[in-house]
Amino acid sequence: METGEFTYVGPEVVTWARTANRPVVIGWDAGNSLIGRNGHAVVMYDGGTLRAEWLSTRDLGSVLADYAELESPPPAD
Protein backbone atom coordinates (compact mmCIF):
# COMPACT_ATOMS: atom_id res chain seq x y z
CA MET A 1 0.00 0.00 0.00
CA GLU A 2 1.40 3.38 -0.96
CA THR A 3 0.48 6.60 0.83
CA GLY A 4 2.33 9.44 -0.83
CA GLU A 5 5.89 9.40 0.45
CA PHE A 6 5.72 6.04 2.24
CA THR A 7 4.95 2.47 1.08
CA TYR A 8 3.71 -0.22 3.47
CA VAL A 9 3.74 -4.02 3.31
CA GLY A 10 0.57 -6.01 2.73
CA PRO A 11 -1.63 -7.51 5.45
CA GLU A 12 0.04 -10.92 5.15
CA VAL A 13 3.39 -9.50 6.23
CA VAL A 14 1.80 -7.49 9.05
CA THR A 15 0.16 -10.67 10.38
CA TRP A 16 3.47 -12.51 10.17
CA ALA A 17 5.31 -9.60 11.85
CA ARG A 18 3.17 -10.00 14.95
CA THR A 19 4.50 -13.52 15.51
CA ALA A 20 8.03 -13.18 14.09
CA ASN A 21 10.84 -13.41 16.60
CA ARG A 22 12.80 -10.70 14.84
CA PRO A 23 12.38 -7.12 13.60
CA VAL A 24 10.27 -6.82 10.44
CA VAL A 25 10.25 -3.91 7.96
CA ILE A 26 6.64 -2.77 7.54
CA GLY A 27 7.14 0.51 5.68
CA TRP A 28 9.74 2.52 3.73
CA ASP A 29 10.17 5.89 2.08
CA ALA A 30 10.84 6.56 -1.60
CA GLY A 31 14.58 6.74 -0.95
CA ASN A 32 17.19 9.43 -0.70
CA SER A 33 20.79 10.04 0.21
CA LEU A 34 21.91 10.45 3.80
CA ILE A 35 25.45 11.78 4.02
CA GLY A 36 26.39 10.16 0.74
CA ARG A 37 24.70 6.82 1.49
CA ASN A 38 21.79 5.86 -0.75
CA GLY A 39 18.98 4.16 1.09
CA HIS A 40 15.60 4.34 2.72
CA ALA A 41 14.10 5.33 6.02
CA VAL A 42 12.17 2.26 7.19
CA VAL A 43 9.65 1.51 9.91
CA MET A 44 10.48 -1.65 11.83
CA TYR A 45 7.98 -3.65 13.88
CA ASP A 46 9.75 -5.47 16.69
CA GLY A 47 7.82 -7.29 19.39
CA GLY A 48 4.97 -4.79 19.55
CA THR A 49 7.02 -1.63 19.15
CA LEU A 50 7.78 0.51 16.12
CA ARG A 51 11.11 2.17 15.39
CA ALA A 52 12.70 4.03 12.50
CA GLU A 53 15.96 2.86 10.90
CA TRP A 54 18.02 3.46 7.77
CA LEU A 55 18.60 0.62 5.27
CA SER A 56 20.66 0.68 2.11
CA THR A 57 18.73 0.24 -1.11
CA ARG A 58 20.35 -3.18 -1.59
CA ASP A 59 19.42 -4.37 1.92
CA LEU A 60 15.83 -3.18 1.58
CA GLY A 61 15.59 -5.00 -1.77
CA SER A 62 16.70 -8.24 -0.13
CA VAL A 63 14.16 -7.84 2.68
CA LEU A 64 11.32 -7.14 0.24
CA ALA A 65 12.28 -10.14 -1.91
CA ASP A 66 11.93 -12.35 1.18
CA TYR A 67 8.51 -10.84 1.94
CA ALA A 68 7.28 -11.46 -1.62
CA GLU A 69 7.05 -15.16 -0.75
CA LEU A 70 4.65 -14.32 2.08
CA GLU A 71 2.42 -12.24 -0.19
CA SER A 72 2.20 -14.68 -3.09
CA PRO A 73 -0.36 -17.46 -3.07
CA PRO A 74 0.86 -21.06 -2.79
CA PRO A 75 1.35 -22.90 -6.09
CA ALA A 76 -1.65 -24.80 -7.42
CA ASP A 77 -1.48 -28.60 -7.26
PDB file of N, CA and C in Angstrom:
ATOM      1  N   MET A   1       0.848  -1.167   0.000  1.00  0.00           N
ATOM      2  CA  MET A   1       0.000   0.000   0.000  1.00  0.00           C
ATOM      3  C   MET A   1       0.898   1.235   0.000  1.00  0.00           C
ATOM      4  N   GLU A   2       0.610   2.168  -0.875  1.00  0.00           N
ATOM      5  CA  GLU A   2       1.405   3.383  -0.963  1.00  0.00           C
ATOM      6  C   GLU A   2       0.574   4.570  -0.510  1.00  0.00           C
ATOM      7  N   THR A   3       1.167   5.402   0.344  1.00  0.00           N
ATOM      8  CA  THR A   3       0.484   6.596   0.832  1.00  0.00           C
ATOM      9  C   THR A   3       1.401   7.797   0.649  1.00  0.00           C
ATOM     10  N   GLY A   4       1.489   8.279  -0.558  1.00  0.00           N
ATOM     11  CA  GLY A   4       2.328   9.437  -0.827  1.00  0.00           C
ATOM     12  C   GLY A   4       3.802   9.112  -0.755  1.00  0.00           C
ATOM     13  N   GLU A   5       4.454   9.562   0.290  1.00  0.00           N
ATOM     14  CA  GLU A   5       5.893   9.398   0.448  1.00  0.00           C
ATOM     15  C   GLU A   5       6.303   8.038   0.992  1.00  0.00           C
ATOM     16  N   PHE A   6       5.381   7.295   1.575  1.00  0.00           N
ATOM     17  CA  PHE A   6       5.717   6.035   2.236  1.00  0.00           C
ATOM     18  C   PHE A   6       4.948   4.873   1.616  1.00  0.00           C
ATOM     19  N   THR A   7       5.578   3.695   1.560  1.00  0.00           N
ATOM     20  CA  THR A   7       4.947   2.473   1.082  1.00  0.00           C
ATOM     21  C   THR A   7       4.942   1.474   2.230  1.00  0.00           C
ATOM     22  N   TYR A   8       3.845   0.743   2.375  1.00  0.00           N
ATOM     23  CA  TYR A   8       3.715  -0.217   3.466  1.00  0.00           C
ATOM     24  C   TYR A   8       3.520  -1.623   2.913  1.00  0.00           C
ATOM     25  N   VAL A   9       3.913  -2.622   3.689  1.00  0.00           N
ATOM     26  CA  VAL A   9       3.741  -4.022   3.311  1.00  0.00           C
ATOM     27  C   VAL A   9       2.257  -4.374   3.336  1.00  0.00           C
ATOM     28  N   GLY A  10       1.937  -5.532   2.747  1.00  0.00           N
ATOM     29  CA  GLY A  10       0.565  -6.009   2.730  1.00  0.00           C
ATOM     30  C   GLY A  10       0.160  -6.642   4.052  1.00  0.00           C
ATOM     31  N   PRO A  11      -1.115  -6.950   4.191  1.00  0.00           N
ATOM     32  CA  PRO A  11      -1.627  -7.508   5.446  1.00  0.00           C
ATOM     33  C   PRO A  11      -1.004  -8.847   5.824  1.00  0.00           C
ATOM     34  N   GLU A  12      -0.575  -9.632   4.847  1.00  0.00           N
ATOM     35  CA  GLU A  12       0.043 -10.924   5.150  1.00  0.00           C
ATOM     36  C   GLU A  12       1.339 -10.745   5.932  1.00  0.00           C
ATOM     37  N   VAL A  13       2.123  -9.746   5.546  1.00  0.00           N
ATOM     38  CA  VAL A  13       3.390  -9.496   6.230  1.00  0.00           C
ATOM     39  C   VAL A  13       3.129  -8.912   7.620  1.00  0.00           C
ATOM     40  N   VAL A  14       2.134  -8.051   7.734  1.00  0.00           N
ATOM     41  CA  VAL A  14       1.798  -7.489   9.054  1.00  0.00           C
ATOM     42  C   VAL A  14       1.387  -8.606  10.010  1.00  0.00           C
ATOM     43  N   THR A  15       0.566  -9.536   9.546  1.00  0.00           N
ATOM     44  CA  THR A  15       0.157 -10.668  10.381  1.00  0.00           C
ATOM     45  C   THR A  15       1.369 -11.482  10.806  1.00  0.00           C
ATOM     46  N   TRP A  16       2.258 -11.755   9.868  1.00  0.00           N
ATOM     47  CA  TRP A  16       3.472 -12.512  10.171  1.00  0.00           C
ATOM     48  C   TRP A  16       4.368 -11.743  11.144  1.00  0.00           C
ATOM     49  N   ALA A  17       4.456 -10.426  10.989  1.00  0.00           N
ATOM     50  CA  ALA A  17       5.314  -9.601  11.847  1.00  0.00           C
ATOM     51  C   ALA A  17       4.919  -9.723  13.311  1.00  0.00           C
ATOM     52  N   ARG A  18       3.644  -9.899  13.561  1.00  0.00           N
ATOM     53  CA  ARG A  18       3.170  -9.995  14.950  1.00  0.00           C
ATOM     54  C   ARG A  18       3.677 -11.251  15.654  1.00  0.00           C
ATOM     55  N   THR A  19       4.032 -12.274  14.893  1.00  0.00           N
ATOM     56  CA  THR A  19       4.504 -13.520  15.506  1.00  0.00           C
ATOM     57  C   THR A  19       5.981 -13.788  15.238  1.00  0.00           C
ATOM     58  N   ALA A  20       6.604 -12.980  14.414  1.00  0.00           N
ATOM     59  CA  ALA A  20       8.028 -13.178  14.092  1.00  0.00           C
ATOM     60  C   ALA A  20       8.883 -12.886  15.327  1.00  0.00           C
ATOM     61  N   ASN A  21       9.923 -13.623  15.477  1.00  0.00           N
ATOM     62  CA  ASN A  21      10.838 -13.406  16.601  1.00  0.00           C
ATOM     63  C   ASN A  21      12.027 -12.554  16.185  1.00  0.00           C
ATOM     64  N   ARG A  22      11.747 -11.586  15.318  1.00  0.00           N
ATOM     65  CA  ARG A  22      12.798 -10.696  14.843  1.00  0.00           C
ATOM     66  C   ARG A  22      12.160  -9.417  14.323  1.00  0.00           C
ATOM     67  N   PRO A  23      12.928  -8.364  14.159  1.00  0.00           N
ATOM     68  CA  PRO A  23      12.381  -7.121  13.599  1.00  0.00           C
ATOM     69  C   PRO A  23      11.925  -7.335  12.149  1.00  0.00           C
ATOM     70  N   VAL A  24      10.840  -6.685  11.776  1.00  0.00           N
ATOM     71  CA  VAL A  24      10.273  -6.820  10.439  1.00  0.00           C
ATOM     72  C   VAL A  24      10.030  -5.420   9.866  1.00  0.00           C
ATOM     73  N   VAL A  25      10.508  -5.180   8.647  1.00  0.00           N
ATOM     74  CA  VAL A  25      10.249  -3.910   7.958  1.00  0.00           C
ATOM     75  C   VAL A  25       8.781  -3.904   7.541  1.00  0.00           C
ATOM     76  N   ILE A  26       8.050  -2.859   7.950  1.00  0.00           N
ATOM     77  CA  ILE A  26       6.641  -2.768   7.545  1.00  0.00           C
ATOM     78  C   ILE A  26       6.357  -1.543   6.683  1.00  0.00           C
ATOM     79  N   GLY A  27       7.334  -0.651   6.534  1.00  0.00           N
ATOM     80  CA  GLY A  27       7.141   0.512   5.677  1.00  0.00           C
ATOM     81  C   GLY A  27       8.479   1.130   5.306  1.00  0.00           C
ATOM     82  N   TRP A  28       8.506   1.883   4.189  1.00  0.00           N
ATOM     83  CA  TRP A  28       9.741   2.521   3.734  1.00  0.00           C
ATOM     84  C   TRP A  28       9.406   3.733   2.890  1.00  0.00           C
ATOM     85  N   ASP A  29      10.360   4.689   2.876  1.00  0.00           N
ATOM     86  CA  ASP A  29      10.165   5.891   2.075  1.00  0.00           C
ATOM     87  C   ASP A  29      10.643   5.665   0.646  1.00  0.00           C
ATOM     88  N   ALA A  30      10.480   6.672  -0.183  1.00  0.00           N
ATOM     89  CA  ALA A  30      10.838   6.561  -1.602  1.00  0.00           C
ATOM     90  C   ALA A  30      12.341   6.462  -1.811  1.00  0.00           C
ATOM     91  N   GLY A  31      13.125   6.835  -0.836  1.00  0.00           N
ATOM     92  CA  GLY A  31      14.577   6.735  -0.950  1.00  0.00           C
ATOM     93  C   GLY A  31      15.224   8.080  -1.128  1.00  0.00           C
ATOM     94  N   ASN A  32      16.401   8.212  -0.562  1.00  0.00           N
ATOM     95  CA  ASN A  32      17.187   9.427  -0.699  1.00  0.00           C
ATOM     96  C   ASN A  32      18.604   9.150  -0.219  1.00  0.00           C
ATOM     97  N   SER A  33      19.391  10.188  -0.190  1.00  0.00           N
ATOM     98  CA  SER A  33      20.788  10.036   0.210  1.00  0.00           C
ATOM     99  C   SER A  33      20.989  10.678   1.576  1.00  0.00           C
ATOM    100  N   LEU A  34      21.599   9.948   2.474  1.00  0.00           N
ATOM    101  CA  LEU A  34      21.907  10.446   3.805  1.00  0.00           C
ATOM    102  C   LEU A  34      23.421  10.444   3.954  1.00  0.00           C
ATOM    103  N   ILE A  35      24.007  11.614   3.906  1.00  0.00           N
ATOM    104  CA  ILE A  35      25.453  11.784   4.018  1.00  0.00           C
ATOM    105  C   ILE A  35      26.172  10.865   3.020  1.00  0.00           C
ATOM    106  N   GLY A  36      25.729  10.921   1.792  1.00  0.00           N
ATOM    107  CA  GLY A  36      26.385  10.164   0.739  1.00  0.00           C
ATOM    108  C   GLY A  36      26.021   8.691   0.677  1.00  0.00           C
ATOM    109  N   ARG A  37      25.101   8.233   1.505  1.00  0.00           N
ATOM    110  CA  ARG A  37      24.704   6.821   1.488  1.00  0.00           C
ATOM    111  C   ARG A  37      23.287   6.717   0.943  1.00  0.00           C
ATOM    112  N   ASN A  38      23.116   6.047  -0.178  1.00  0.00           N
ATOM    113  CA  ASN A  38      21.791   5.865  -0.745  1.00  0.00           C
ATOM    114  C   ASN A  38      21.036   4.831   0.067  1.00  0.00           C
ATOM    115  N   GLY A  39      19.771   5.102   0.324  1.00  0.00           N
ATOM    116  CA  GLY A  39      18.984   4.161   1.090  1.00  0.00           C
ATOM    117  C   GLY A  39      17.598   4.675   1.388  1.00  0.00           C
ATOM    118  N   HIS A  40      16.995   4.071   2.387  1.00  0.00           N
ATOM    119  CA  HIS A  40      15.605   4.338   2.722  1.00  0.00           C
ATOM    120  C   HIS A  40      15.411   4.409   4.231  1.00  0.00           C
ATOM    121  N   ALA A  41      14.578   5.341   4.646  1.00  0.00           N
ATOM    122  CA  ALA A  41      14.095   5.326   6.022  1.00  0.00           C
ATOM    123  C   ALA A  41      13.050   4.218   6.074  1.00  0.00           C
ATOM    124  N   VAL A  42      13.133   3.359   7.067  1.00  0.00           N
ATOM    125  CA  VAL A  42      12.175   2.257   7.186  1.00  0.00           C
ATOM    126  C   VAL A  42      11.536   2.275   8.564  1.00  0.00           C
ATOM    127  N   VAL A  43      10.330   1.719   8.633  1.00  0.00           N
ATOM    128  CA  VAL A  43       9.651   1.511   9.907  1.00  0.00           C
ATOM    129  C   VAL A  43       9.762   0.029  10.218  1.00  0.00           C
ATOM    130  N   MET A  44      10.306  -0.272  11.392  1.00  0.00           N
ATOM    131  CA  MET A  44      10.481  -1.654  11.826  1.00  0.00           C
ATOM    132  C   MET A  44       9.460  -1.963  12.914  1.00  0.00           C
ATOM    133  N   TYR A  45       8.840  -3.134  12.817  1.00  0.00           N
ATOM    134  CA  TYR A  45       7.981  -3.651  13.881  1.00  0.00           C
ATOM    135  C   TYR A  45       8.805  -4.703  14.607  1.00  0.00           C
ATOM    136  N   ASP A  46       8.920  -4.548  15.915  1.00  0.00           N
ATOM    137  CA  ASP A  46       9.752  -5.472  16.689  1.00  0.00           C
ATOM    138  C   ASP A  46       9.092  -5.746  18.032  1.00  0.00           C
ATOM    139  N   GLY A  47       8.424  -6.880  18.131  1.00  0.00           N
ATOM    140  CA  GLY A  47       7.815  -7.294  19.392  1.00  0.00           C
ATOM    141  C   GLY A  47       6.805  -6.319  19.945  1.00  0.00           C
ATOM    142  N   GLY A  48       6.009  -5.709  19.102  1.00  0.00           N
ATOM    143  CA  GLY A  48       4.969  -4.794  19.552  1.00  0.00           C
ATOM    144  C   GLY A  48       5.361  -3.330  19.556  1.00  0.00           C
ATOM    145  N   THR A  49       6.601  -3.025  19.214  1.00  0.00           N
ATOM    146  CA  THR A  49       7.021  -1.626  19.148  1.00  0.00           C
ATOM    147  C   THR A  49       7.449  -1.271  17.729  1.00  0.00           C
ATOM    148  N   LEU A  50       7.359  -0.001  17.416  1.00  0.00           N
ATOM    149  CA  LEU A  50       7.783   0.513  16.119  1.00  0.00           C
ATOM    150  C   LEU A  50       9.022   1.367  16.323  1.00  0.00           C
ATOM    151  N   ARG A  51       9.933   1.307  15.347  1.00  0.00           N
ATOM    152  CA  ARG A  51      11.106   2.172  15.385  1.00  0.00           C
ATOM    153  C   ARG A  51      11.509   2.509  13.952  1.00  0.00           C
ATOM    154  N   ALA A  52      12.204   3.612  13.806  1.00  0.00           N
ATOM    155  CA  ALA A  52      12.704   4.028  12.497  1.00  0.00           C
ATOM    156  C   ALA A  52      14.172   3.650  12.382  1.00  0.00           C
ATOM    157  N   GLU A  53      14.560   3.207  11.193  1.00  0.00           N
ATOM    158  CA  GLU A  53      15.956   2.863  10.904  1.00  0.00           C
ATOM    159  C   GLU A  53      16.282   3.296   9.488  1.00  0.00           C
ATOM    160  N   TRP A  54      17.538   3.170   9.115  1.00  0.00           N
ATOM    161  CA  TRP A  54      18.020   3.459   7.772  1.00  0.00           C
ATOM    162  C   TRP A  54      18.554   2.169   7.169  1.00  0.00           C
ATOM    163  N   LEU A  55      18.090   1.795   5.974  1.00  0.00           N
ATOM    164  CA  LEU A  55      18.602   0.616   5.269  1.00  0.00           C
ATOM    165  C   LEU A  55      19.101   1.041   3.900  1.00  0.00           C
ATOM    166  N   SER A  56      20.184   0.421   3.467  1.00  0.00           N
ATOM    167  CA  SER A  56      20.657   0.682   2.110  1.00  0.00           C
ATOM    168  C   SER A  56      19.617   0.167   1.121  1.00  0.00           C
ATOM    169  N   THR A  57      19.656   0.684  -0.072  1.00  0.00           N
ATOM    170  CA  THR A  57      18.729   0.244  -1.113  1.00  0.00           C
ATOM    171  C   THR A  57      18.886  -1.257  -1.361  1.00  0.00           C
ATOM    172  N   ARG A  58      20.096  -1.751  -1.371  1.00  0.00           N
ATOM    173  CA  ARG A  58      20.348  -3.175  -1.587  1.00  0.00           C
ATOM    174  C   ARG A  58      19.747  -4.020  -0.466  1.00  0.00           C
ATOM    175  N   ASP A  59      19.962  -3.612   0.789  1.00  0.00           N
ATOM    176  CA  ASP A  59      19.423  -4.372   1.922  1.00  0.00           C
ATOM    177  C   ASP A  59      17.894  -4.370   1.933  1.00  0.00           C
ATOM    178  N   LEU A  60      17.296  -3.231   1.629  1.00  0.00           N
ATOM    179  CA  LEU A  60      15.833  -3.184   1.576  1.00  0.00           C
ATOM    180  C   LEU A  60      15.323  -4.091   0.462  1.00  0.00           C
ATOM    181  N   GLY A  61      15.993  -4.117  -0.676  1.00  0.00           N
ATOM    182  CA  GLY A  61      15.592  -4.998  -1.772  1.00  0.00           C
ATOM    183  C   GLY A  61      15.611  -6.459  -1.363  1.00  0.00           C
ATOM    184  N   SER A  62      16.624  -6.851  -0.614  1.00  0.00           N
ATOM    185  CA  SER A  62      16.704  -8.240  -0.129  1.00  0.00           C
ATOM    186  C   SER A  62      15.566  -8.561   0.818  1.00  0.00           C
ATOM    187  N   VAL A  63      15.256  -7.642   1.726  1.00  0.00           N
ATOM    188  CA  VAL A  63      14.161  -7.842   2.677  1.00  0.00           C
ATOM    189  C   VAL A  63      12.837  -7.987   1.924  1.00  0.00           C
ATOM    190  N   LEU A  64      12.597  -7.105   0.972  1.00  0.00           N
ATOM    191  CA  LEU A  64      11.324  -7.144   0.239  1.00  0.00           C
ATOM    192  C   LEU A  64      11.206  -8.398  -0.619  1.00  0.00           C
ATOM    193  N   ALA A  65      12.313  -8.892  -1.138  1.00  0.00           N
ATOM    194  CA  ALA A  65      12.283 -10.144  -1.907  1.00  0.00           C
ATOM    195  C   ALA A  65      11.860 -11.301  -1.006  1.00  0.00           C
ATOM    196  N   ASP A  66      12.342 -11.313   0.225  1.00  0.00           N
ATOM    197  CA  ASP A  66      11.928 -12.349   1.178  1.00  0.00           C
ATOM    198  C   ASP A  66      10.437 -12.255   1.480  1.00  0.00           C
ATOM    199  N   TYR A  67       9.930 -11.031   1.621  1.00  0.00           N
ATOM    200  CA  TYR A  67       8.515 -10.838   1.943  1.00  0.00           C
ATOM    201  C   TYR A  67       7.601 -11.219   0.779  1.00  0.00           C
ATOM    202  N   ALA A  68       8.106 -11.144  -0.448  1.00  0.00           N
ATOM    203  CA  ALA A  68       7.285 -11.464  -1.618  1.00  0.00           C
ATOM    204  C   ALA A  68       6.744 -12.889  -1.521  1.00  0.00           C
ATOM    205  N   GLU A  69       7.514 -13.778  -0.914  1.00  0.00           N
ATOM    206  CA  GLU A  69       7.048 -15.160  -0.752  1.00  0.00           C
ATOM    207  C   GLU A  69       5.840 -15.228   0.168  1.00  0.00           C
ATOM    208  N   LEU A  70       5.775 -14.344   1.156  1.00  0.00           N
ATOM    209  CA  LEU A  70       4.647 -14.316   2.082  1.00  0.00           C
ATOM    210  C   LEU A  70       3.377 -13.788   1.414  1.00  0.00           C
ATOM    211  N   GLU A  71       3.562 -12.891   0.444  1.00  0.00           N
ATOM    212  CA  GLU A  71       2.423 -12.242  -0.186  1.00  0.00           C
ATOM    213  C   GLU A  71       1.898 -12.990  -1.408  1.00  0.00           C
ATOM    214  N   SER A  72       2.659 -13.961  -1.906  1.00  0.00           N
ATOM    215  CA  SER A  72       2.204 -14.681  -3.095  1.00  0.00           C
ATOM    216  C   SER A  72       1.438 -15.941  -2.676  1.00  0.00           C
ATOM    217  N   PRO A  73       0.415 -16.271  -3.413  1.00  0.00           N
ATOM    218  CA  PRO A  73      -0.360 -17.465  -3.074  1.00  0.00           C
ATOM    219  C   PRO A  73       0.459 -18.737  -3.290  1.00  0.00           C
ATOM    220  N   PRO A  74       0.142 -19.802  -2.582  1.00  0.00           N
ATOM    221  CA  PRO A  74       0.865 -21.063  -2.792  1.00  0.00           C
ATOM    222  C   PRO A  74       0.598 -21.602  -4.185  1.00  0.00           C
ATOM    223  N   PRO A  75       1.546 -22.361  -4.739  1.00  0.00           N
ATOM    224  CA  PRO A  75       1.351 -22.902  -6.088  1.00  0.00           C
ATOM    225  C   PRO A  75       0.175 -23.878  -6.123  1.00  0.00           C
ATOM    226  N   ALA A  76      -0.515 -23.885  -7.244  1.00  0.00           N
ATOM    227  CA  ALA A  76      -1.647 -24.802  -7.419  1.00  0.00           C
ATOM    228  C   ALA A  76      -1.135 -26.237  -7.614  1.00  0.00           C
ATOM    229  N   ASP A  77      -1.858 -27.186  -7.100  1.00  0.00           N
ATOM    230  CA  ASP A  77      -1.479 -28.602  -7.263  1.00  0.00           C
ATOM    231  C   ASP A  77      -1.924 -29.142  -8.591  1.00  0.00           C
TER     232      ASP A  77
END
